[in-house]
N, C-alpha and C. Protein backbone atom coordinates (compact mmCIF):
# COMPACT_ATOMS: atom_id res chain seq x y z
N MET A 1 0.37 -20.74 -15.81
CA MET A 1 0.91 -19.40 -15.76
C MET A 1 -0.21 -18.36 -15.70
N PHE A 2 -1.27 -18.61 -16.44
CA PHE A 2 -2.41 -17.69 -16.44
C PHE A 2 -2.96 -17.53 -15.02
N PHE A 3 -2.93 -18.60 -14.24
CA PHE A 3 -3.41 -18.58 -12.87
C PHE A 3 -2.70 -17.50 -12.06
N ILE A 4 -1.39 -17.39 -12.24
CA ILE A 4 -0.60 -16.41 -11.49
C ILE A 4 -1.08 -14.99 -11.78
N PHE A 5 -1.30 -14.69 -13.05
CA PHE A 5 -1.69 -13.34 -13.41
C PHE A 5 -3.15 -13.05 -13.07
N LYS A 6 -3.98 -14.08 -13.11
CA LYS A 6 -5.39 -13.88 -12.80
C LYS A 6 -5.61 -13.66 -11.31
N TYR A 7 -4.80 -14.29 -10.48
CA TYR A 7 -5.01 -14.21 -9.03
C TYR A 7 -3.88 -13.50 -8.29
N PHE A 8 -3.09 -12.72 -9.00
CA PHE A 8 -1.99 -12.01 -8.37
C PHE A 8 -2.49 -11.02 -7.32
N TRP A 9 -3.67 -10.50 -7.51
CA TRP A 9 -4.26 -9.53 -6.59
C TRP A 9 -4.45 -10.12 -5.19
N VAL A 10 -4.57 -11.45 -5.09
CA VAL A 10 -4.73 -12.09 -3.78
C VAL A 10 -3.50 -11.81 -2.92
N LEU A 11 -2.34 -11.75 -3.57
CA LEU A 11 -1.11 -11.43 -2.85
C LEU A 11 -1.22 -10.06 -2.18
N PHE A 12 -1.92 -9.12 -2.82
CA PHE A 12 -2.09 -7.79 -2.26
C PHE A 12 -3.07 -7.77 -1.09
N ILE A 13 -3.78 -8.85 -0.89
CA ILE A 13 -4.62 -9.00 0.30
C ILE A 13 -3.80 -9.67 1.40
N VAL A 14 -3.00 -10.64 1.02
CA VAL A 14 -2.20 -11.39 1.99
C VAL A 14 -1.13 -10.50 2.63
N ILE A 15 -0.51 -9.63 1.84
CA ILE A 15 0.59 -8.80 2.36
C ILE A 15 0.15 -7.91 3.53
N PRO A 16 -0.96 -7.17 3.45
CA PRO A 16 -1.36 -6.38 4.63
C PRO A 16 -1.68 -7.25 5.84
N LEU A 17 -2.20 -8.45 5.60
CA LEU A 17 -2.48 -9.35 6.72
C LEU A 17 -1.19 -9.80 7.39
N LEU A 18 -0.21 -10.18 6.58
CA LEU A 18 1.09 -10.58 7.13
C LEU A 18 1.77 -9.40 7.83
N ASN A 19 1.69 -8.23 7.23
CA ASN A 19 2.27 -7.04 7.83
C ASN A 19 1.65 -6.77 9.20
N ALA A 20 0.34 -6.95 9.30
CA ALA A 20 -0.35 -6.75 10.58
C ALA A 20 0.16 -7.73 11.63
N ILE A 21 0.37 -8.97 11.23
CA ILE A 21 0.88 -9.99 12.16
C ILE A 21 2.27 -9.59 12.65
N PHE A 22 3.14 -9.16 11.72
CA PHE A 22 4.49 -8.78 12.11
C PHE A 22 4.49 -7.55 13.01
N ILE A 23 3.64 -6.58 12.70
CA ILE A 23 3.55 -5.38 13.54
C ILE A 23 3.05 -5.76 14.93
N LYS A 24 2.02 -6.58 14.99
CA LYS A 24 1.45 -6.99 16.28
C LYS A 24 2.52 -7.66 17.15
N ARG A 25 3.33 -8.52 16.53
CA ARG A 25 4.42 -9.16 17.29
C ARG A 25 5.45 -8.14 17.75
N ARG A 26 5.78 -7.21 16.86
CA ARG A 26 6.82 -6.24 17.17
C ARG A 26 6.41 -5.30 18.30
N VAL A 27 5.12 -4.99 18.41
CA VAL A 27 4.68 -4.01 19.41
C VAL A 27 4.29 -4.64 20.74
N GLN A 28 4.30 -5.95 20.84
CA GLN A 28 3.89 -6.60 22.10
C GLN A 28 4.70 -6.11 23.29
N LYS A 29 6.00 -5.94 23.10
CA LYS A 29 6.83 -5.48 24.23
C LYS A 29 6.43 -4.07 24.68
N TYR A 30 6.01 -3.23 23.73
CA TYR A 30 5.59 -1.88 24.09
C TYR A 30 4.22 -1.89 24.78
N ILE A 31 3.37 -2.82 24.39
CA ILE A 31 2.06 -2.95 25.03
C ILE A 31 2.23 -3.43 26.47
N ILE A 32 3.18 -4.32 26.69
CA ILE A 32 3.45 -4.80 28.05
C ILE A 32 3.95 -3.65 28.92
N GLU A 33 4.83 -2.80 28.35
CA GLU A 33 5.37 -1.66 29.09
C GLU A 33 4.30 -0.59 29.36
N LYS A 34 3.44 -0.34 28.36
CA LYS A 34 2.40 0.70 28.47
C LYS A 34 1.08 0.15 27.93
N PRO A 35 0.33 -0.57 28.76
CA PRO A 35 -0.93 -1.18 28.31
C PRO A 35 -1.94 -0.16 27.78
N GLU A 36 -1.84 1.08 28.21
CA GLU A 36 -2.79 2.10 27.76
C GLU A 36 -2.65 2.41 26.26
N LEU A 37 -1.55 1.97 25.64
CA LEU A 37 -1.35 2.20 24.21
C LEU A 37 -1.98 1.12 23.34
N GLU A 38 -2.46 0.05 23.96
CA GLU A 38 -2.95 -1.10 23.18
C GLU A 38 -4.09 -0.73 22.24
N ASP A 39 -5.03 0.08 22.69
CA ASP A 39 -6.15 0.47 21.82
C ASP A 39 -5.65 1.20 20.57
N GLY A 40 -4.67 2.06 20.74
CA GLY A 40 -4.11 2.78 19.59
C GLY A 40 -3.43 1.84 18.61
N TYR A 41 -2.66 0.89 19.15
CA TYR A 41 -2.02 -0.11 18.29
C TYR A 41 -3.07 -0.90 17.51
N ASN A 42 -4.09 -1.36 18.22
CA ASN A 42 -5.13 -2.17 17.57
C ASN A 42 -5.87 -1.37 16.49
N MET A 43 -6.16 -0.10 16.77
CA MET A 43 -6.83 0.74 15.79
C MET A 43 -5.97 0.89 14.53
N TYR A 44 -4.69 1.15 14.73
CA TYR A 44 -3.77 1.32 13.60
C TYR A 44 -3.71 0.04 12.77
N ILE A 45 -3.58 -1.09 13.42
CA ILE A 45 -3.47 -2.36 12.71
C ILE A 45 -4.75 -2.67 11.94
N LYS A 46 -5.90 -2.49 12.57
CA LYS A 46 -7.17 -2.75 11.88
C LYS A 46 -7.35 -1.83 10.68
N ASN A 47 -7.04 -0.55 10.86
CA ASN A 47 -7.17 0.39 9.74
C ASN A 47 -6.20 0.08 8.62
N SER A 48 -4.99 -0.33 8.96
CA SER A 48 -4.02 -0.64 7.91
C SER A 48 -4.44 -1.88 7.12
N ILE A 49 -5.06 -2.84 7.79
CA ILE A 49 -5.57 -4.02 7.06
C ILE A 49 -6.72 -3.58 6.15
N PHE A 50 -7.68 -2.87 6.72
CA PHE A 50 -8.86 -2.45 5.94
C PHE A 50 -8.45 -1.62 4.73
N LEU A 51 -7.63 -0.60 4.95
CA LEU A 51 -7.23 0.26 3.85
C LEU A 51 -6.29 -0.44 2.89
N GLY A 52 -5.54 -1.40 3.39
CA GLY A 52 -4.60 -2.13 2.54
C GLY A 52 -5.25 -3.06 1.55
N VAL A 53 -6.41 -3.60 1.89
CA VAL A 53 -7.03 -4.59 1.00
C VAL A 53 -8.01 -3.97 0.00
N ILE A 54 -8.47 -2.76 0.23
CA ILE A 54 -9.47 -2.18 -0.69
C ILE A 54 -8.96 -2.11 -2.13
N PRO A 55 -7.75 -1.60 -2.40
CA PRO A 55 -7.29 -1.60 -3.79
C PRO A 55 -7.20 -3.01 -4.38
N ALA A 56 -6.81 -3.98 -3.56
CA ALA A 56 -6.71 -5.36 -4.04
C ALA A 56 -8.08 -5.92 -4.38
N VAL A 57 -9.07 -5.58 -3.59
CA VAL A 57 -10.44 -6.04 -3.86
C VAL A 57 -10.95 -5.43 -5.16
N ILE A 58 -10.68 -4.16 -5.38
CA ILE A 58 -11.06 -3.52 -6.65
C ILE A 58 -10.39 -4.25 -7.81
N MET A 59 -9.10 -4.52 -7.66
CA MET A 59 -8.37 -5.22 -8.71
C MET A 59 -8.95 -6.62 -8.92
N GLY A 60 -9.22 -7.32 -7.84
CA GLY A 60 -9.77 -8.68 -7.94
C GLY A 60 -11.13 -8.70 -8.62
N ILE A 61 -12.01 -7.79 -8.25
CA ILE A 61 -13.34 -7.73 -8.88
C ILE A 61 -13.19 -7.46 -10.38
N ALA A 62 -12.31 -6.54 -10.73
CA ALA A 62 -12.11 -6.20 -12.14
C ALA A 62 -11.58 -7.39 -12.93
N ILE A 63 -10.64 -8.12 -12.37
CA ILE A 63 -10.05 -9.25 -13.08
C ILE A 63 -11.03 -10.41 -13.15
N LEU A 64 -11.67 -10.74 -12.04
CA LEU A 64 -12.60 -11.88 -12.03
C LEU A 64 -13.85 -11.63 -12.87
N SER A 65 -14.27 -10.38 -12.96
CA SER A 65 -15.44 -10.06 -13.79
C SER A 65 -15.04 -9.86 -15.26
N GLU A 66 -13.76 -10.02 -15.53
CA GLU A 66 -13.20 -9.87 -16.88
C GLU A 66 -13.41 -8.46 -17.44
N SER A 67 -13.47 -7.49 -16.55
CA SER A 67 -13.56 -6.09 -16.97
C SER A 67 -12.20 -5.55 -17.38
N VAL A 68 -11.15 -6.21 -16.91
CA VAL A 68 -9.79 -5.96 -17.38
C VAL A 68 -9.22 -7.30 -17.79
N GLU A 69 -8.24 -7.25 -18.67
CA GLU A 69 -7.68 -8.50 -19.16
C GLU A 69 -6.68 -9.10 -18.16
N PHE A 70 -5.78 -8.26 -17.68
CA PHE A 70 -4.75 -8.71 -16.76
C PHE A 70 -4.45 -7.62 -15.75
N MET A 71 -3.64 -7.98 -14.76
CA MET A 71 -3.25 -7.00 -13.74
C MET A 71 -2.48 -5.85 -14.35
N PHE A 72 -1.85 -6.08 -15.50
CA PHE A 72 -1.06 -5.02 -16.12
C PHE A 72 -1.93 -3.88 -16.65
N ASP A 73 -3.21 -4.12 -16.83
CA ASP A 73 -4.11 -3.06 -17.28
C ASP A 73 -4.18 -1.92 -16.27
N PHE A 74 -3.85 -2.20 -15.02
CA PHE A 74 -3.89 -1.17 -13.99
C PHE A 74 -2.75 -0.16 -14.14
N PHE A 75 -1.79 -0.46 -15.03
CA PHE A 75 -0.73 0.49 -15.35
C PHE A 75 -1.14 1.43 -16.48
N GLU A 76 -2.37 1.28 -16.97
CA GLU A 76 -2.83 2.10 -18.09
C GLU A 76 -4.14 2.83 -17.76
N PRO A 77 -4.10 3.76 -16.83
CA PRO A 77 -5.33 4.48 -16.49
C PRO A 77 -5.84 5.34 -17.65
N ARG A 78 -4.97 5.65 -18.62
CA ARG A 78 -5.38 6.47 -19.77
C ARG A 78 -6.50 5.84 -20.57
N LYS A 79 -6.65 4.53 -20.47
CA LYS A 79 -7.71 3.84 -21.22
C LYS A 79 -9.09 4.06 -20.59
N LEU A 80 -9.12 4.67 -19.41
CA LEU A 80 -10.35 5.07 -18.71
C LEU A 80 -11.28 3.91 -18.37
N ASN A 81 -10.71 2.76 -18.11
CA ASN A 81 -11.51 1.63 -17.62
C ASN A 81 -12.02 2.02 -16.23
N PRO A 82 -13.31 1.87 -15.96
CA PRO A 82 -13.86 2.31 -14.67
C PRO A 82 -13.21 1.64 -13.46
N TYR A 83 -12.86 0.36 -13.58
CA TYR A 83 -12.23 -0.33 -12.46
C TYR A 83 -10.81 0.19 -12.23
N VAL A 84 -10.11 0.43 -13.30
CA VAL A 84 -8.75 0.97 -13.19
C VAL A 84 -8.81 2.38 -12.60
N LEU A 85 -9.78 3.16 -13.04
CA LEU A 85 -9.94 4.50 -12.49
C LEU A 85 -10.31 4.45 -11.01
N ALA A 86 -11.15 3.50 -10.62
CA ALA A 86 -11.51 3.33 -9.20
C ALA A 86 -10.27 2.97 -8.38
N PHE A 87 -9.44 2.10 -8.93
CA PHE A 87 -8.20 1.71 -8.26
C PHE A 87 -7.31 2.94 -8.03
N HIS A 88 -7.11 3.72 -9.09
CA HIS A 88 -6.24 4.90 -8.98
C HIS A 88 -6.87 5.98 -8.10
N ALA A 89 -8.19 6.12 -8.16
CA ALA A 89 -8.87 7.07 -7.28
C ALA A 89 -8.68 6.66 -5.82
N CYS A 90 -8.74 5.38 -5.56
CA CYS A 90 -8.53 4.86 -4.21
C CYS A 90 -7.13 5.25 -3.71
N VAL A 91 -6.14 5.09 -4.56
CA VAL A 91 -4.77 5.45 -4.19
C VAL A 91 -4.67 6.94 -3.88
N VAL A 92 -5.25 7.77 -4.72
CA VAL A 92 -5.20 9.23 -4.50
C VAL A 92 -5.95 9.60 -3.22
N ILE A 93 -7.08 8.97 -2.98
CA ILE A 93 -7.83 9.23 -1.74
C ILE A 93 -6.99 8.85 -0.52
N TYR A 94 -6.26 7.75 -0.60
CA TYR A 94 -5.38 7.36 0.51
C TYR A 94 -4.30 8.40 0.73
N TRP A 95 -3.76 8.94 -0.34
CA TRP A 95 -2.75 9.99 -0.19
C TRP A 95 -3.34 11.19 0.55
N ILE A 96 -4.52 11.60 0.15
CA ILE A 96 -5.17 12.76 0.77
C ILE A 96 -5.46 12.47 2.25
N LEU A 97 -5.99 11.29 2.54
CA LEU A 97 -6.27 10.92 3.93
C LEU A 97 -4.99 10.86 4.75
N SER A 98 -3.91 10.37 4.15
CA SER A 98 -2.63 10.29 4.86
C SER A 98 -2.09 11.67 5.18
N ILE A 99 -2.17 12.57 4.22
CA ILE A 99 -1.71 13.95 4.45
C ILE A 99 -2.52 14.56 5.59
N ARG A 100 -3.82 14.40 5.52
CA ARG A 100 -4.71 14.96 6.55
C ARG A 100 -4.38 14.38 7.93
N TRP A 101 -4.18 13.06 7.99
CA TRP A 101 -3.92 12.41 9.27
C TRP A 101 -2.56 12.82 9.83
N ILE A 102 -1.53 12.77 8.99
CA ILE A 102 -0.17 13.04 9.47
C ILE A 102 0.01 14.50 9.89
N TYR A 103 -0.49 15.43 9.09
CA TYR A 103 -0.21 16.84 9.33
C TYR A 103 -1.28 17.59 10.12
N PHE A 104 -2.53 17.15 10.04
CA PHE A 104 -3.61 17.92 10.66
C PHE A 104 -4.32 17.19 11.80
N ASN A 105 -4.13 15.90 11.91
CA ASN A 105 -4.78 15.13 12.99
C ASN A 105 -3.77 14.42 13.89
N LYS A 106 -2.57 14.95 13.94
CA LYS A 106 -1.52 14.45 14.83
C LYS A 106 -1.15 12.99 14.58
N GLY A 107 -1.23 12.57 13.33
CA GLY A 107 -0.84 11.20 12.99
C GLY A 107 0.64 10.95 13.19
N ALA A 108 1.46 11.95 12.86
CA ALA A 108 2.91 11.80 13.05
C ALA A 108 3.23 11.63 14.53
N GLU A 109 2.54 12.40 15.36
CA GLU A 109 2.75 12.29 16.80
C GLU A 109 2.25 10.93 17.31
N PHE A 110 1.15 10.45 16.75
CA PHE A 110 0.63 9.13 17.11
C PHE A 110 1.68 8.06 16.82
N LEU A 111 2.32 8.14 15.65
CA LEU A 111 3.34 7.15 15.28
C LEU A 111 4.54 7.21 16.22
N GLU A 112 4.89 8.42 16.66
CA GLU A 112 5.99 8.57 17.60
C GLU A 112 5.61 8.02 18.97
N GLU A 113 4.37 8.27 19.40
CA GLU A 113 3.91 7.82 20.72
C GLU A 113 3.66 6.32 20.77
N HIS A 114 3.54 5.69 19.62
CA HIS A 114 3.31 4.24 19.54
C HIS A 114 4.51 3.58 18.88
N PRO A 115 5.59 3.40 19.64
CA PRO A 115 6.81 2.84 19.06
C PRO A 115 6.57 1.45 18.50
N GLY A 116 7.30 1.15 17.43
CA GLY A 116 7.22 -0.17 16.82
C GLY A 116 6.31 -0.22 15.61
N LEU A 117 5.43 0.77 15.45
CA LEU A 117 4.56 0.76 14.27
C LEU A 117 5.36 0.99 13.01
N ILE A 118 6.20 2.01 13.04
CA ILE A 118 7.10 2.28 11.92
C ILE A 118 8.50 2.38 12.50
N VAL A 119 9.37 1.54 12.01
CA VAL A 119 10.76 1.55 12.47
C VAL A 119 11.67 1.87 11.30
N LYS A 120 12.81 2.41 11.62
CA LYS A 120 13.80 2.71 10.59
C LYS A 120 15.05 1.91 10.89
N ASN A 121 15.75 1.59 9.85
CA ASN A 121 16.98 0.82 9.99
C ASN A 121 18.08 1.59 9.27
N SER A 122 19.02 2.11 10.05
CA SER A 122 20.12 2.82 9.42
C SER A 122 21.43 2.30 9.99
N PHE A 123 22.27 1.90 9.08
CA PHE A 123 23.58 1.35 9.43
C PHE A 123 23.46 0.18 10.39
N GLY A 124 22.46 -0.67 10.15
CA GLY A 124 22.27 -1.87 10.95
C GLY A 124 21.61 -1.63 12.30
N LYS A 125 21.28 -0.40 12.60
CA LYS A 125 20.66 -0.07 13.88
C LYS A 125 19.18 0.24 13.65
N THR A 126 18.32 -0.46 14.36
CA THR A 126 16.88 -0.25 14.23
C THR A 126 16.41 0.70 15.33
N SER A 127 15.60 1.68 14.93
CA SER A 127 15.04 2.61 15.91
C SER A 127 13.66 3.06 15.45
N ASN A 128 12.93 3.66 16.35
CA ASN A 128 11.59 4.15 16.04
C ASN A 128 11.67 5.53 15.42
N VAL A 129 10.66 5.87 14.64
CA VAL A 129 10.64 7.17 13.98
C VAL A 129 10.11 8.24 14.94
N THR A 130 10.53 9.46 14.68
CA THR A 130 9.99 10.60 15.42
C THR A 130 8.93 11.28 14.55
N ALA A 131 8.12 12.10 15.17
CA ALA A 131 7.09 12.84 14.43
C ALA A 131 7.73 13.73 13.37
N LYS A 132 8.84 14.34 13.72
CA LYS A 132 9.54 15.21 12.77
C LYS A 132 10.02 14.42 11.56
N GLU A 133 10.56 13.23 11.78
CA GLU A 133 11.01 12.39 10.67
C GLU A 133 9.85 11.99 9.76
N VAL A 134 8.73 11.65 10.37
CA VAL A 134 7.55 11.28 9.58
C VAL A 134 7.13 12.46 8.71
N LYS A 135 7.09 13.64 9.29
CA LYS A 135 6.65 14.83 8.55
C LYS A 135 7.64 15.23 7.45
N ILE A 136 8.90 14.91 7.65
CA ILE A 136 9.91 15.24 6.63
C ILE A 136 9.93 14.20 5.51
N PHE A 137 9.89 12.92 5.87
CA PHE A 137 10.08 11.88 4.87
C PHE A 137 8.80 11.45 4.16
N PHE A 138 7.65 11.68 4.76
CA PHE A 138 6.40 11.31 4.09
C PHE A 138 6.24 11.99 2.73
N PRO A 139 6.51 13.30 2.62
CA PRO A 139 6.38 13.92 1.30
C PRO A 139 7.32 13.31 0.25
N LEU A 140 8.49 12.88 0.68
CA LEU A 140 9.42 12.25 -0.26
C LEU A 140 8.86 10.92 -0.76
N MET A 141 8.28 10.14 0.14
CA MET A 141 7.67 8.87 -0.26
C MET A 141 6.46 9.13 -1.16
N LEU A 142 5.68 10.11 -0.79
CA LEU A 142 4.50 10.46 -1.59
C LEU A 142 4.91 10.93 -2.98
N LEU A 143 6.00 11.67 -3.06
CA LEU A 143 6.49 12.15 -4.35
C LEU A 143 6.79 10.99 -5.30
N GLY A 144 7.36 9.91 -4.77
CA GLY A 144 7.61 8.74 -5.61
C GLY A 144 6.33 8.18 -6.20
N GLY A 145 5.29 8.11 -5.40
CA GLY A 145 4.00 7.63 -5.88
C GLY A 145 3.37 8.57 -6.89
N VAL A 146 3.48 9.87 -6.63
CA VAL A 146 2.92 10.86 -7.55
C VAL A 146 3.64 10.80 -8.89
N ILE A 147 4.96 10.68 -8.86
CA ILE A 147 5.72 10.56 -10.11
C ILE A 147 5.28 9.32 -10.88
N GLY A 148 5.12 8.20 -10.19
CA GLY A 148 4.64 6.98 -10.84
C GLY A 148 3.26 7.17 -11.45
N GLU A 149 2.38 7.82 -10.72
CA GLU A 149 1.02 8.06 -11.21
C GLU A 149 1.05 8.96 -12.45
N VAL A 150 1.83 10.03 -12.39
CA VAL A 150 1.94 10.94 -13.54
C VAL A 150 2.50 10.20 -14.75
N MET A 151 3.49 9.37 -14.52
CA MET A 151 4.07 8.60 -15.64
C MET A 151 3.03 7.67 -16.26
N MET A 152 2.22 7.01 -15.44
CA MET A 152 1.21 6.11 -15.99
C MET A 152 0.18 6.87 -16.82
N TRP A 153 -0.13 8.08 -16.42
CA TRP A 153 -1.14 8.87 -17.15
C TRP A 153 -0.57 9.51 -18.40
N ASN A 154 0.72 9.82 -18.40
CA ASN A 154 1.28 10.62 -19.50
C ASN A 154 2.21 9.88 -20.45
N MET A 155 2.75 8.76 -20.04
CA MET A 155 3.70 8.05 -20.90
C MET A 155 3.03 6.79 -21.43
N ASN A 156 3.41 6.43 -22.62
CA ASN A 156 2.83 5.26 -23.24
C ASN A 156 3.79 4.08 -23.09
N PHE A 157 3.74 3.44 -21.93
CA PHE A 157 4.59 2.28 -21.68
C PHE A 157 4.05 1.08 -22.43
N PRO A 158 4.92 0.25 -22.96
CA PRO A 158 4.43 -1.00 -23.54
C PRO A 158 4.06 -1.96 -22.40
N VAL A 159 2.79 -2.14 -22.17
CA VAL A 159 2.33 -3.03 -21.11
C VAL A 159 2.27 -4.44 -21.68
N PRO A 160 2.91 -5.40 -21.01
CA PRO A 160 2.93 -6.76 -21.56
C PRO A 160 1.53 -7.37 -21.64
N LYS A 161 1.32 -8.11 -22.69
CA LYS A 161 0.08 -8.86 -22.85
C LYS A 161 0.39 -10.33 -22.60
N PHE A 162 -0.63 -11.10 -22.30
CA PHE A 162 -0.44 -12.47 -21.86
C PHE A 162 0.38 -13.33 -22.82
N PRO A 163 0.10 -13.38 -24.12
CA PRO A 163 0.91 -14.24 -25.00
C PRO A 163 2.38 -13.85 -24.99
N ALA A 164 2.66 -12.54 -24.90
CA ALA A 164 4.05 -12.10 -24.85
C ALA A 164 4.73 -12.57 -23.57
N ILE A 165 4.01 -12.56 -22.48
CA ILE A 165 4.56 -13.01 -21.21
C ILE A 165 4.85 -14.50 -21.26
N ILE A 166 3.93 -15.26 -21.83
CA ILE A 166 4.13 -16.71 -21.95
C ILE A 166 5.38 -17.00 -22.75
N SER A 167 5.59 -16.26 -23.85
CA SER A 167 6.76 -16.52 -24.68
C SER A 167 8.05 -16.22 -23.94
N ILE A 168 8.01 -15.27 -23.01
CA ILE A 168 9.21 -14.96 -22.22
C ILE A 168 9.56 -16.15 -21.33
N PHE A 169 8.57 -16.75 -20.71
CA PHE A 169 8.82 -17.83 -19.77
C PHE A 169 9.09 -19.17 -20.45
N PHE A 170 8.57 -19.36 -21.64
CA PHE A 170 8.67 -20.68 -22.27
C PHE A 170 9.48 -20.68 -23.55
N SER A 171 10.29 -19.66 -23.80
CA SER A 171 11.10 -19.67 -25.01
C SER A 171 12.52 -20.09 -24.71
């Protein structure tokens, strides 16, 4: 059981890789229709992999170097562990970069011009997002993350410790 908690961060590396594979498959039909978009698709996929694994690498280094006890320590930034702070700083930096890209560097328009990167599913119908939808819904998604971050900094959640977790699974 300890193995799962010690190496859970590896899952956060695998997920962006799998996501990239699924996106690459999904956009192939659009690349065939408009080959000039391929460079944009490839750039987006490479950046999403790179940016997706950085927080996981920070988490992995912290856990493997025993600078944190478990992955749950990342829910307690108030303890001011440097690795946990680096993890949370990384998240905030991503938010800032996302805002800059979407609103000031035509990122929303890029997502609209490159169908298949972000799709929406409503009432069983899948469609591509528009730039307007990205600009409207991104702040709502960001708000969820900000609320979570504020809660971690201001509320004293009981974060499970390893012996307590073991007793849950084996009692």
